[in-house]
Amino acid sequence: MHFCSEEKELEYISNEISTRLYKKYNLKDIAIIARKKGQLYNAKDFLIKRGVNADIIDKRNPNFDNDSVKLITMHSIKGLEFNVVMIIGVNKDIIPILKK
């Protein structure tokens, strides 16, 4: 889907989690992936304000047991599996990464 802003994208995702995905999956079965960690912090704040529990997963916080949506960078998700995976912030300035 195309979104005109990060806020609209996160609003859509929080609604999907709250209305559709929450009925079928535990929150810990859902991952949101972004290229930059700053995107994950924005997503976490947004989701928590809307009542969706979320945790950023990294080397300092590798806790997968909490029933919360897992927010992970593209580099950290390698080798992990989730039932639902959403990628945020996919746009021409972020992805693809073009090497010159």
PDB file of N, CA and C in Angstrom:
ATOM      1  N   MET A   1       0.845  -1.179   0.000  1.00  0.00           N
ATOM      2  CA  MET A   1       0.000   0.000   0.000  1.00  0.00           C
ATOM      3  C   MET A   1       0.885   1.236   0.000  1.00  0.00           C
ATOM      4  N   HIS A   2       0.350   2.298  -0.502  1.00  0.00           N
ATOM      5  CA  HIS A   2       1.058   3.578  -0.511  1.00  0.00           C
ATOM      6  C   HIS A   2       0.424   4.503   0.522  1.00  0.00           C
ATOM      7  N   PHE A   3       1.271   5.161   1.303  1.00  0.00           N
ATOM      8  CA  PHE A   3       0.797   6.093   2.320  1.00  0.00           C
ATOM      9  C   PHE A   3       1.472   7.437   2.106  1.00  0.00           C
ATOM     10  N   CYS A   4       0.738   8.497   2.353  1.00  0.00           N
ATOM     11  CA  CYS A   4       1.280   9.843   2.126  1.00  0.00           C
ATOM     12  C   CYS A   4       2.155  10.312   3.280  1.00  0.00           C
ATOM     13  N   SER A   5       2.121   9.600   4.404  1.00  0.00           N
ATOM     14  CA  SER A   5       2.953   9.984   5.543  1.00  0.00           C
ATOM     15  C   SER A   5       3.208   8.777   6.434  1.00  0.00           C
ATOM     16  N   GLU A   6       4.243   8.910   7.266  1.00  0.00           N
ATOM     17  CA  GLU A   6       4.561   7.855   8.223  1.00  0.00           C
ATOM     18  C   GLU A   6       3.399   7.658   9.191  1.00  0.00           C
ATOM     19  N   GLU A   7       2.756   8.747   9.583  1.00  0.00           N
ATOM     20  CA  GLU A   7       1.637   8.661  10.514  1.00  0.00           C
ATOM     21  C   GLU A   7       0.479   7.855   9.919  1.00  0.00           C
ATOM     22  N   LYS A   8       0.162   8.090   8.654  1.00  0.00           N
ATOM     23  CA  LYS A   8      -0.923   7.337   7.996  1.00  0.00           C
ATOM     24  C   LYS A   8      -0.580   5.853   7.905  1.00  0.00           C
ATOM     25  N   GLU A   9       0.682   5.547   7.621  1.00  0.00           N
ATOM     26  CA  GLU A   9       1.122   4.163   7.552  1.00  0.00           C
ATOM     27  C   GLU A   9       0.973   3.483   8.912  1.00  0.00           C
ATOM     28  N   LEU A  10       1.429   4.137   9.965  1.00  0.00           N
ATOM     29  CA  LEU A  10       1.336   3.563  11.306  1.00  0.00           C
ATOM     30  C   LEU A  10      -0.101   3.478  11.793  1.00  0.00           C
ATOM     31  N   GLU A  11      -0.919   4.414  11.392  1.00  0.00           N
ATOM     32  CA  GLU A  11      -2.338   4.373  11.735  1.00  0.00           C
ATOM     33  C   GLU A  11      -2.995   3.134  11.108  1.00  0.00           C
ATOM     34  N   TYR A  12      -2.688   2.878   9.847  1.00  0.00           N
ATOM     35  CA  TYR A  12      -3.207   1.696   9.161  1.00  0.00           C
ATOM     36  C   TYR A  12      -2.751   0.418   9.871  1.00  0.00           C
ATOM     37  N   ILE A  13      -1.473   0.347  10.191  1.00  0.00           N
ATOM     38  CA  ILE A  13      -0.918  -0.845  10.839  1.00  0.00           C
ATOM     39  C   ILE A  13      -1.543  -1.059  12.217  1.00  0.00           C
ATOM     40  N   SER A  14      -1.675  -0.011  13.006  1.00  0.00           N
ATOM     41  CA  SER A  14      -2.268  -0.175  14.342  1.00  0.00           C
ATOM     42  C   SER A  14      -3.725  -0.618  14.233  1.00  0.00           C
ATOM     43  N   ASN A  15      -4.438  -0.114  13.245  1.00  0.00           N
ATOM     44  CA  ASN A  15      -5.826  -0.547  13.042  1.00  0.00           C
ATOM     45  C   ASN A  15      -5.895  -2.008  12.619  1.00  0.00           C
ATOM     46  N   GLU A  16      -5.010  -2.432  11.728  1.00  0.00           N
ATOM     47  CA  GLU A  16      -4.968  -3.830  11.299  1.00  0.00           C
ATOM     48  C   GLU A  16      -4.690  -4.756  12.481  1.00  0.00           C
ATOM     49  N   ILE A  17      -3.737  -4.360  13.307  1.00  0.00           N
ATOM     50  CA  ILE A  17      -3.402  -5.186  14.474  1.00  0.00           C
ATOM     51  C   ILE A  17      -4.577  -5.237  15.441  1.00  0.00           C
ATOM     52  N   SER A  18      -5.171  -4.092  15.728  1.00  0.00           N
ATOM     53  CA  SER A  18      -6.249  -4.007  16.720  1.00  0.00           C
ATOM     54  C   SER A  18      -7.538  -4.675  16.266  1.00  0.00           C
ATOM     55  N   THR A  19      -7.835  -4.604  14.981  1.00  0.00           N
ATOM     56  CA  THR A  19      -9.136  -5.092  14.530  1.00  0.00           C
ATOM     57  C   THR A  19      -9.093  -6.473  13.882  1.00  0.00           C
ATOM     58  N   ARG A  20      -8.059  -6.781  13.127  1.00  0.00           N
ATOM     59  CA  ARG A  20      -8.036  -8.050  12.398  1.00  0.00           C
ATOM     60  C   ARG A  20      -7.046  -9.054  12.967  1.00  0.00           C
ATOM     61  N   LEU A  21      -5.805  -8.651  13.115  1.00  0.00           N
ATOM     62  CA  LEU A  21      -4.752  -9.593  13.490  1.00  0.00           C
ATOM     63  C   LEU A  21      -4.871 -10.069  14.935  1.00  0.00           C
ATOM     64  N   TYR A  22      -5.330  -9.185  15.821  1.00  0.00           N
ATOM     65  CA  TYR A  22      -5.429  -9.512  17.240  1.00  0.00           C
ATOM     66  C   TYR A  22      -6.382 -10.684  17.485  1.00  0.00           C
ATOM     67  N   LYS A  23      -7.360 -10.860  16.594  1.00  0.00           N
ATOM     68  CA  LYS A  23      -8.322 -11.952  16.743  1.00  0.00           C
ATOM     69  C   LYS A  23      -7.714 -13.316  16.420  1.00  0.00           C
ATOM     70  N   LYS A  24      -6.693 -13.325  15.562  1.00  0.00           N
ATOM     71  CA  LYS A  24      -6.138 -14.586  15.090  1.00  0.00           C
ATOM     72  C   LYS A  24      -4.758 -14.908  15.668  1.00  0.00           C
ATOM     73  N   TYR A  25      -3.993 -13.880  16.025  1.00  0.00           N
ATOM     74  CA  TYR A  25      -2.609 -14.075  16.467  1.00  0.00           C
ATOM     75  C   TYR A  25      -2.359 -13.423  17.817  1.00  0.00           C
ATOM     76  N   ASN A  26      -1.398 -13.962  18.545  1.00  0.00           N
ATOM     77  CA  ASN A  26      -0.889 -13.263  19.718  1.00  0.00           C
ATOM     78  C   ASN A  26      -0.025 -12.114  19.213  1.00  0.00           C
ATOM     79  N   LEU A  27       0.090 -11.070  20.011  1.00  0.00           N
ATOM     80  CA  LEU A  27       0.915  -9.935  19.589  1.00  0.00           C
ATOM     81  C   LEU A  27       2.360 -10.356  19.342  1.00  0.00           C
ATOM     82  N   LYS A  28       2.859 -11.320  20.130  1.00  0.00           N
ATOM     83  CA  LYS A  28       4.255 -11.736  19.961  1.00  0.00           C
ATOM     84  C   LYS A  28       4.500 -12.485  18.654  1.00  0.00           C
ATOM     85  N   ASP A  29       3.431 -12.815  17.919  1.00  0.00           N
ATOM     86  CA  ASP A  29       3.554 -13.461  16.616  1.00  0.00           C
ATOM     87  C   ASP A  29       3.641 -12.460  15.465  1.00  0.00           C
ATOM     88  N   ILE A  30       3.627 -11.167  15.798  1.00  0.00           N
ATOM     89  CA  ILE A  30       3.617 -10.107  14.792  1.00  0.00           C
ATOM     90  C   ILE A  30       4.929  -9.335  14.865  1.00  0.00           C
ATOM     91  N   ALA A  31       5.558  -9.137  13.711  1.00  0.00           N
ATOM     92  CA  ALA A  31       6.793  -8.347  13.639  1.00  0.00           C
ATOM     93  C   ALA A  31       6.616  -7.197  12.660  1.00  0.00           C
ATOM     94  N   ILE A  32       7.171  -6.072  13.041  1.00  0.00           N
ATOM     95  CA  ILE A  32       7.238  -4.920  12.150  1.00  0.00           C
ATOM     96  C   ILE A  32       8.710  -4.646  11.911  1.00  0.00           C
ATOM     97  N   ILE A  33       9.074  -4.572  10.643  1.00  0.00           N
ATOM     98  CA  ILE A  33      10.471  -4.407  10.255  1.00  0.00           C
ATOM     99  C   ILE A  33      10.665  -3.033   9.626  1.00  0.00           C
ATOM    100  N   ALA A  34      11.800  -2.413   9.936  1.00  0.00           N
ATOM    101  CA  ALA A  34      12.187  -1.150   9.312  1.00  0.00           C
ATOM    102  C   ALA A  34      13.687  -1.160   9.079  1.00  0.00           C
ATOM    103  N   ARG A  35      14.137  -0.348   8.167  1.00  0.00           N
ATOM    104  CA  ARG A  35      15.581  -0.275   7.903  1.00  0.00           C
ATOM    105  C   ARG A  35      16.295   0.482   9.011  1.00  0.00           C
ATOM    106  N   LYS A  36      15.692   1.572   9.479  1.00  0.00           N
ATOM    107  CA  LYS A  36      16.347   2.434  10.461  1.00  0.00           C
ATOM    108  C   LYS A  36      15.698   2.298  11.837  1.00  0.00           C
ATOM    109  N   LYS A  37      16.525   2.303  12.844  1.00  0.00           N
ATOM    110  CA  LYS A  37      16.036   2.137  14.216  1.00  0.00           C
ATOM    111  C   LYS A  37      15.118   3.287  14.634  1.00  0.00           C
ATOM    112  N   GLY A  38      15.376   4.475  14.118  1.00  0.00           N
ATOM    113  CA  GLY A  38      14.512   5.621  14.424  1.00  0.00           C
ATOM    114  C   GLY A  38      13.075   5.378  14.003  1.00  0.00           C
ATOM    115  N   GLN A  39      12.898   4.671  12.902  1.00  0.00           N
ATOM    116  CA  GLN A  39      11.553   4.322  12.453  1.00  0.00           C
ATOM    117  C   GLN A  39      10.864   3.420  13.474  1.00  0.00           C
ATOM    118  N   LEU A  40      11.640   2.534  14.080  1.00  0.00           N
ATOM    119  CA  LEU A  40      11.078   1.628  15.075  1.00  0.00           C
ATOM    120  C   LEU A  40      10.647   2.376  16.330  1.00  0.00           C
ATOM    121  N   TYR A  41      11.440   3.355  16.757  1.00  0.00           N
ATOM    122  CA  TYR A  41      11.058   4.156  17.926  1.00  0.00           C
ATOM    123  C   TYR A  41       9.760   4.908  17.653  1.00  0.00           C
ATOM    124  N   ASN A  42       9.632   5.477  16.462  1.00  0.00           N
ATOM    125  CA  ASN A  42       8.390   6.173  16.103  1.00  0.00           C
ATOM    126  C   ASN A  42       7.212   5.209  16.101  1.00  0.00           C
ATOM    127  N   ALA A  43       7.421   4.022  15.538  1.00  0.00           N
ATOM    128  CA  ALA A  43       6.358   3.023  15.489  1.00  0.00           C
ATOM    129  C   ALA A  43       5.954   2.576  16.897  1.00  0.00           C
ATOM    130  N   LYS A  44       6.935   2.360  17.750  1.00  0.00           N
ATOM    131  CA  LYS A  44       6.642   1.928  19.124  1.00  0.00           C
ATOM    132  C   LYS A  44       5.799   2.979  19.846  1.00  0.00           C
ATOM    133  N   ASP A  45       6.222   4.232  19.789  1.00  0.00           N
ATOM    134  CA  ASP A  45       5.457   5.310  20.440  1.00  0.00           C
ATOM    135  C   ASP A  45       4.032   5.372  19.899  1.00  0.00           C
ATOM    136  N   PHE A  46       3.895   5.288  18.583  1.00  0.00           N
ATOM    137  CA  PHE A  46       2.588   5.368  17.941  1.00  0.00           C
ATOM    138  C   PHE A  46       1.697   4.215  18.395  1.00  0.00           C
ATOM    139  N   LEU A  47       2.221   2.997  18.342  1.00  0.00           N
ATOM    140  CA  LEU A  47       1.423   1.831  18.718  1.00  0.00           C
ATOM    141  C   LEU A  47       1.011   1.862  20.179  1.00  0.00           C
ATOM    142  N   ILE A  48       1.926   2.194  21.054  1.00  0.00           N
ATOM    143  CA  ILE A  48       1.615   2.229  22.483  1.00  0.00           C
ATOM    144  C   ILE A  48       0.541   3.272  22.784  1.00  0.00           C
ATOM    145  N   LYS A  49       0.616   4.425  22.131  1.00  0.00           N
ATOM    146  CA  LYS A  49      -0.414   5.459  22.326  1.00  0.00           C
ATOM    147  C   LYS A  49      -1.789   4.975  21.900  1.00  0.00           C
ATOM    148  N   ARG A  50      -1.828   4.003  20.999  1.00  0.00           N
ATOM    149  CA  ARG A  50      -3.097   3.451  20.518  1.00  0.00           C
ATOM    150  C   ARG A  50      -3.456   2.126  21.185  1.00  0.00           C
ATOM    151  N   GLY A  51      -2.761   1.811  22.255  1.00  0.00           N
ATOM    152  CA  GLY A  51      -3.105   0.637  23.044  1.00  0.00           C
ATOM    153  C   GLY A  51      -2.572  -0.685  22.535  1.00  0.00           C
ATOM    154  N   VAL A  52      -1.586  -0.641  21.629  1.00  0.00           N
ATOM    155  CA  VAL A  52      -0.971  -1.869  21.114  1.00  0.00           C
ATOM    156  C   VAL A  52       0.404  -1.998  21.747  1.00  0.00           C
ATOM    157  N   ASN A  53       0.599  -3.025  22.557  1.00  0.00           N
ATOM    158  CA  ASN A  53       1.878  -3.235  23.225  1.00  0.00           C
ATOM    159  C   ASN A  53       2.949  -3.579  22.190  1.00  0.00           C
ATOM    160  N   ALA A  54       4.102  -2.916  22.262  1.00  0.00           N
ATOM    161  CA  ALA A  54       5.177  -3.130  21.282  1.00  0.00           C
ATOM    162  C   ALA A  54       6.528  -3.005  21.958  1.00  0.00           C
ATOM    163  N   ASP A  55       7.482  -3.834  21.515  1.00  0.00           N
ATOM    164  CA  ASP A  55       8.849  -3.806  22.033  1.00  0.00           C
ATOM    165  C   ASP A  55       9.840  -3.798  20.881  1.00  0.00           C
ATOM    166  N   ILE A  56      10.878  -2.996  21.024  1.00  0.00           N
ATOM    167  CA  ILE A  56      11.975  -3.026  20.069  1.00  0.00           C
ATOM    168  C   ILE A  56      12.913  -4.156  20.480  1.00  0.00           C
ATOM    169  N   ILE A  57      13.206  -5.028  19.537  1.00  0.00           N
ATOM    170  CA  ILE A  57      14.076  -6.170  19.789  1.00  0.00           C
ATOM    171  C   ILE A  57      15.448  -5.884  19.183  1.00  0.00           C
ATOM    172  N   ASP A  58      16.474  -5.979  20.017  1.00  0.00           N
ATOM    173  CA  ASP A  58      17.850  -5.815  19.543  1.00  0.00           C
ATOM    174  C   ASP A  58      18.773  -6.575  20.480  1.00  0.00           C
ATOM    175  N   LYS A  59      20.054  -6.384  20.319  1.00  0.00           N
ATOM    176  CA  LYS A  59      21.020  -7.122  21.144  1.00  0.00           C
ATOM    177  C   LYS A  59      20.853  -6.817  22.628  1.00  0.00           C
ATOM    178  N   ARG A  60      20.474  -5.587  22.954  1.00  0.00           N
ATOM    179  CA  ARG A  60      20.288  -5.210  24.361  1.00  0.00           C
ATOM    180  C   ARG A  60      18.963  -5.707  24.925  1.00  0.00           C
ATOM    181  N   ASN A  61      17.983  -5.940  24.050  1.00  0.00           N
ATOM    182  CA  ASN A  61      16.677  -6.410  24.490  1.00  0.00           C
ATOM    183  C   ASN A  61      16.224  -7.554  23.584  1.00  0.00           C
ATOM    184  N   PRO A  62      16.742  -8.756  23.799  1.00  0.00           N
ATOM    185  CA  PRO A  62      16.382  -9.887  22.944  1.00  0.00           C
ATOM    186  C   PRO A  62      15.157 -10.661  23.439  1.00  0.00           C
ATOM    187  N   ASN A  63      14.280 -10.026  24.207  1.00  0.00           N
ATOM    188  CA  ASN A  63      13.156 -10.712  24.830  1.00  0.00           C
ATOM    189  C   ASN A  63      12.021 -10.939  23.822  1.00  0.00           C
ATOM    190  N   PHE A  64      11.805 -12.199  23.461  1.00  0.00           N
ATOM    191  CA  PHE A  64      10.753 -12.556  22.530  1.00  0.00           C
ATOM    192  C   PHE A  64       9.519 -13.099  23.241  1.00  0.00           C
ATOM    193  N   ASP A  65       9.583 -13.227  24.571  1.00  0.00           N
ATOM    194  CA  ASP A  65       8.502 -13.865  25.315  1.00  0.00           C
ATOM    195  C   ASP A  65       7.340 -12.933  25.647  1.00  0.00           C
ATOM    196  N   ASN A  66       7.585 -11.630  25.743  1.00  0.00           N
ATOM    197  CA  ASN A  66       6.503 -10.691  26.051  1.00  0.00           C
ATOM    198  C   ASN A  66       5.441 -10.749  24.962  1.00  0.00           C
ATOM    199  N   ASP A  67       4.174 -10.655  25.367  1.00  0.00           N
ATOM    200  CA  ASP A  67       3.109 -10.608  24.366  1.00  0.00           C
ATOM    201  C   ASP A  67       3.000  -9.175  23.855  1.00  0.00           C
ATOM    202  N   SER A  68       3.876  -8.872  22.918  1.00  0.00           N
ATOM    203  CA  SER A  68       3.918  -7.550  22.315  1.00  0.00           C
ATOM    204  C   SER A  68       4.359  -7.686  20.864  1.00  0.00           C
ATOM    205  N   VAL A  69       3.976  -6.709  20.060  1.00  0.00           N
ATOM    206  CA  VAL A  69       4.449  -6.666  18.681  1.00  0.00           C
ATOM    207  C   VAL A  69       5.951  -6.445  18.727  1.00  0.00           C
ATOM    208  N   LYS A  70       6.688  -7.195  17.923  1.00  0.00           N
ATOM    209  CA  LYS A  70       8.148  -7.086  17.895  1.00  0.00           C
ATOM    210  C   LYS A  70       8.566  -6.123  16.787  1.00  0.00           C
ATOM    211  N   LEU A  71       9.351  -5.129  17.144  1.00  0.00           N
ATOM    212  CA  LEU A  71       9.864  -4.136  16.204  1.00  0.00           C
ATOM    213  C   LEU A  71      11.345  -4.411  16.010  1.00  0.00           C
ATOM    214  N   ILE A  72      11.739  -4.692  14.755  1.00  0.00           N
ATOM    215  CA  ILE A  72      13.087  -5.179  14.489  1.00  0.00           C
ATOM    216  C   ILE A  72      13.623  -4.541  13.210  1.00  0.00           C
ATOM    217  N   THR A  73      14.921  -4.241  13.211  1.00  0.00           N
ATOM    218  CA  THR A  73      15.521  -3.731  11.977  1.00  0.00           C
ATOM    219  C   THR A  73      15.709  -4.883  10.985  1.00  0.00           C
ATOM    220  N   MET A  74      15.838  -4.509   9.728  1.00  0.00           N
ATOM    221  CA  MET A  74      16.045  -5.517   8.680  1.00  0.00           C
ATOM    222  C   MET A  74      17.299  -6.339   8.917  1.00  0.00           C
ATOM    223  N   HIS A  75      18.292  -5.712   9.495  1.00  0.00           N
ATOM    224  CA  HIS A  75      19.555  -6.401   9.725  1.00  0.00           C
ATOM    225  C   HIS A  75      19.468  -7.380  10.891  1.00  0.00           C
ATOM    226  N   SER A  76      18.577  -7.113  11.830  1.00  0.00           N
ATOM    227  CA  SER A  76      18.463  -7.966  13.016  1.00  0.00           C
ATOM    228  C   SER A  76      17.486  -9.125  12.851  1.00  0.00           C
ATOM    229  N   ILE A  77      16.653  -9.075  11.844  1.00  0.00           N
ATOM    230  CA  ILE A  77      15.612 -10.104  11.725  1.00  0.00           C
ATOM    231  C   ILE A  77      16.095 -11.373  11.037  1.00  0.00           C
ATOM    232  N   LYS A  78      17.254 -11.326  10.477  1.00  0.00           N
ATOM    233  CA  LYS A  78      17.764 -12.495   9.753  1.00  0.00           C
ATOM    234  C   LYS A  78      17.739 -13.738  10.642  1.00  0.00           C
ATOM    235  N   GLY A  79      17.134 -14.811  10.127  1.00  0.00           N
ATOM    236  CA  GLY A  79      17.061 -16.067  10.854  1.00  0.00           C
ATOM    237  C   GLY A  79      15.867 -16.188  11.783  1.00  0.00           C
ATOM    238  N   LEU A  80      15.071 -15.136  11.929  1.00  0.00           N
ATOM    239  CA  LEU A  80      13.903 -15.181  12.813  1.00  0.00           C
ATOM    240  C   LEU A  80      12.645 -15.448  11.997  1.00  0.00           C
ATOM    241  N   GLU A  81      11.650 -16.019  12.650  1.00  0.00           N
ATOM    242  CA  GLU A  81      10.382 -16.307  11.984  1.00  0.00           C
ATOM    243  C   GLU A  81       9.228 -15.758  12.804  1.00  0.00           C
ATOM    244  N   PHE A  82       8.246 -15.204  12.098  1.00  0.00           N
ATOM    245  CA  PHE A  82       7.022 -14.693  12.706  1.00  0.00           C
ATOM    246  C   PHE A  82       5.857 -15.084  11.811  1.00  0.00           C
ATOM    247  N   ASN A  83       4.672 -15.198  12.393  1.00  0.00           N
ATOM    248  CA  ASN A  83       3.482 -15.512  11.603  1.00  0.00           C
ATOM    249  C   ASN A  83       3.055 -14.348  10.724  1.00  0.00           C
ATOM    250  N   VAL A  84       3.244 -13.137  11.221  1.00  0.00           N
ATOM    251  CA  VAL A  84       2.875 -11.932  10.475  1.00  0.00           C
ATOM    252  C   VAL A  84       4.073 -10.993  10.460  1.00  0.00           C
ATOM    253  N   VAL A  85       4.436 -10.524   9.262  1.00  0.00           N
ATOM    254  CA  VAL A  85       5.550  -9.590   9.124  1.00  0.00           C
ATOM    255  C   VAL A  85       5.095  -8.408   8.269  1.00  0.00           C
ATOM    256  N   MET A  86       5.311  -7.206   8.786  1.00  0.00           N
ATOM    257  CA  MET A  86       5.010  -5.981   8.046  1.00  0.00           C
ATOM    258  C   MET A  86       6.289  -5.164   7.931  1.00  0.00           C
ATOM    259  N   ILE A  87       6.519  -4.615   6.763  1.00  0.00           N
ATOM    260  CA  ILE A  87       7.687  -3.775   6.537  1.00  0.00           C
ATOM    261  C   ILE A  87       7.205  -2.339   6.407  1.00  0.00           C
ATOM    262  N   ILE A  88       7.788  -1.448   7.207  1.00  0.00           N
ATOM    263  CA  ILE A  88       7.385  -0.043   7.148  1.00  0.00           C
ATOM    264  C   ILE A  88       8.486   0.802   6.520  1.00  0.00           C
ATOM    265  N   GLY A  89       8.079   1.969   6.056  1.00  0.00           N
ATOM    266  CA  GLY A  89       9.044   2.931   5.539  1.00  0.00           C
ATOM    267  C   GLY A  89       9.673   2.548   4.218  1.00  0.00           C
ATOM    268  N   VAL A  90       8.965   1.769   3.428  1.00  0.00           N
ATOM    269  CA  VAL A  90       9.515   1.380   2.132  1.00  0.00           C
ATOM    270  C   VAL A  90       9.206   2.513   1.143  1.00  0.00           C
ATOM    271  N   ASN A  91      10.231   3.261   0.821  1.00  0.00           N
ATOM    272  CA  ASN A  91      10.088   4.327  -0.166  1.00  0.00           C
ATOM    273  C   ASN A  91      11.412   4.538  -0.869  1.00  0.00           C
ATOM    274  N   LYS A  92      11.414   5.345  -1.877  1.00  0.00           N
ATOM    275  CA  LYS A  92      12.615   5.487  -2.706  1.00  0.00           C
ATOM    276  C   LYS A  92      13.803   6.070  -1.956  1.00  0.00           C
ATOM    277  N   ASP A  93      13.574   6.747  -0.853  1.00  0.00           N
ATOM    278  CA  ASP A  93      14.692   7.307  -0.087  1.00  0.00           C
ATOM    279  C   ASP A  93      15.273   6.322   0.930  1.00  0.00           C
ATOM    280  N   ILE A  94      14.566   5.266   1.228  1.00  0.00           N
ATOM    281  CA  ILE A  94      14.994   4.295   2.229  1.00  0.00           C
ATOM    282  C   ILE A  94      15.370   2.961   1.583  1.00  0.00           C
ATOM    283  N   ILE A  95      14.486   2.427   0.752  1.00  0.00           N
ATOM    284  CA  ILE A  95      14.699   1.136   0.101  1.00  0.00           C
ATOM    285  C   ILE A  95      14.338   1.298  -1.369  1.00  0.00           C
ATOM    286  N   PRO A  96      15.028   0.835  -2.301  1.00  0.00           N
ATOM    287  CA  PRO A  96      16.228   0.022  -2.138  1.00  0.00           C
ATOM    288  C   PRO A  96      17.441   0.865  -1.784  1.00  0.00           C
ATOM    289  N   ILE A  97      18.433   0.198  -1.222  1.00  0.00           N
ATOM    290  CA  ILE A  97      19.690   0.862  -0.919  1.00  0.00           C
ATOM    291  C   ILE A  97      20.556   0.701  -2.176  1.00  0.00           C
ATOM    292  N   LEU A  98      20.788   1.806  -2.821  1.00  0.00           N
ATOM    293  CA  LEU A  98      21.591   1.754  -4.044  1.00  0.00           C
ATOM    294  C   LEU A  98      23.041   2.059  -3.730  1.00  0.00           C
ATOM    295  N   LYS A  99      23.897   1.166  -4.108  1.00  0.00           N
ATOM    296  CA  LYS A  99      25.339   1.387  -3.894  1.00  0.00           C
ATOM    297  C   LYS A  99      25.905   2.027  -5.155  1.00  0.00           C
ATOM    298  N   LYS A 100      26.667   3.081  -4.959  1.00  0.00           N
ATOM    299  CA  LYS A 100      27.252   3.794  -6.105  1.00  0.00           C
ATOM    300  C   LYS A 100      28.708   3.541  -6.217  1.00  0.00           C
TER     301      LYS A 100
END
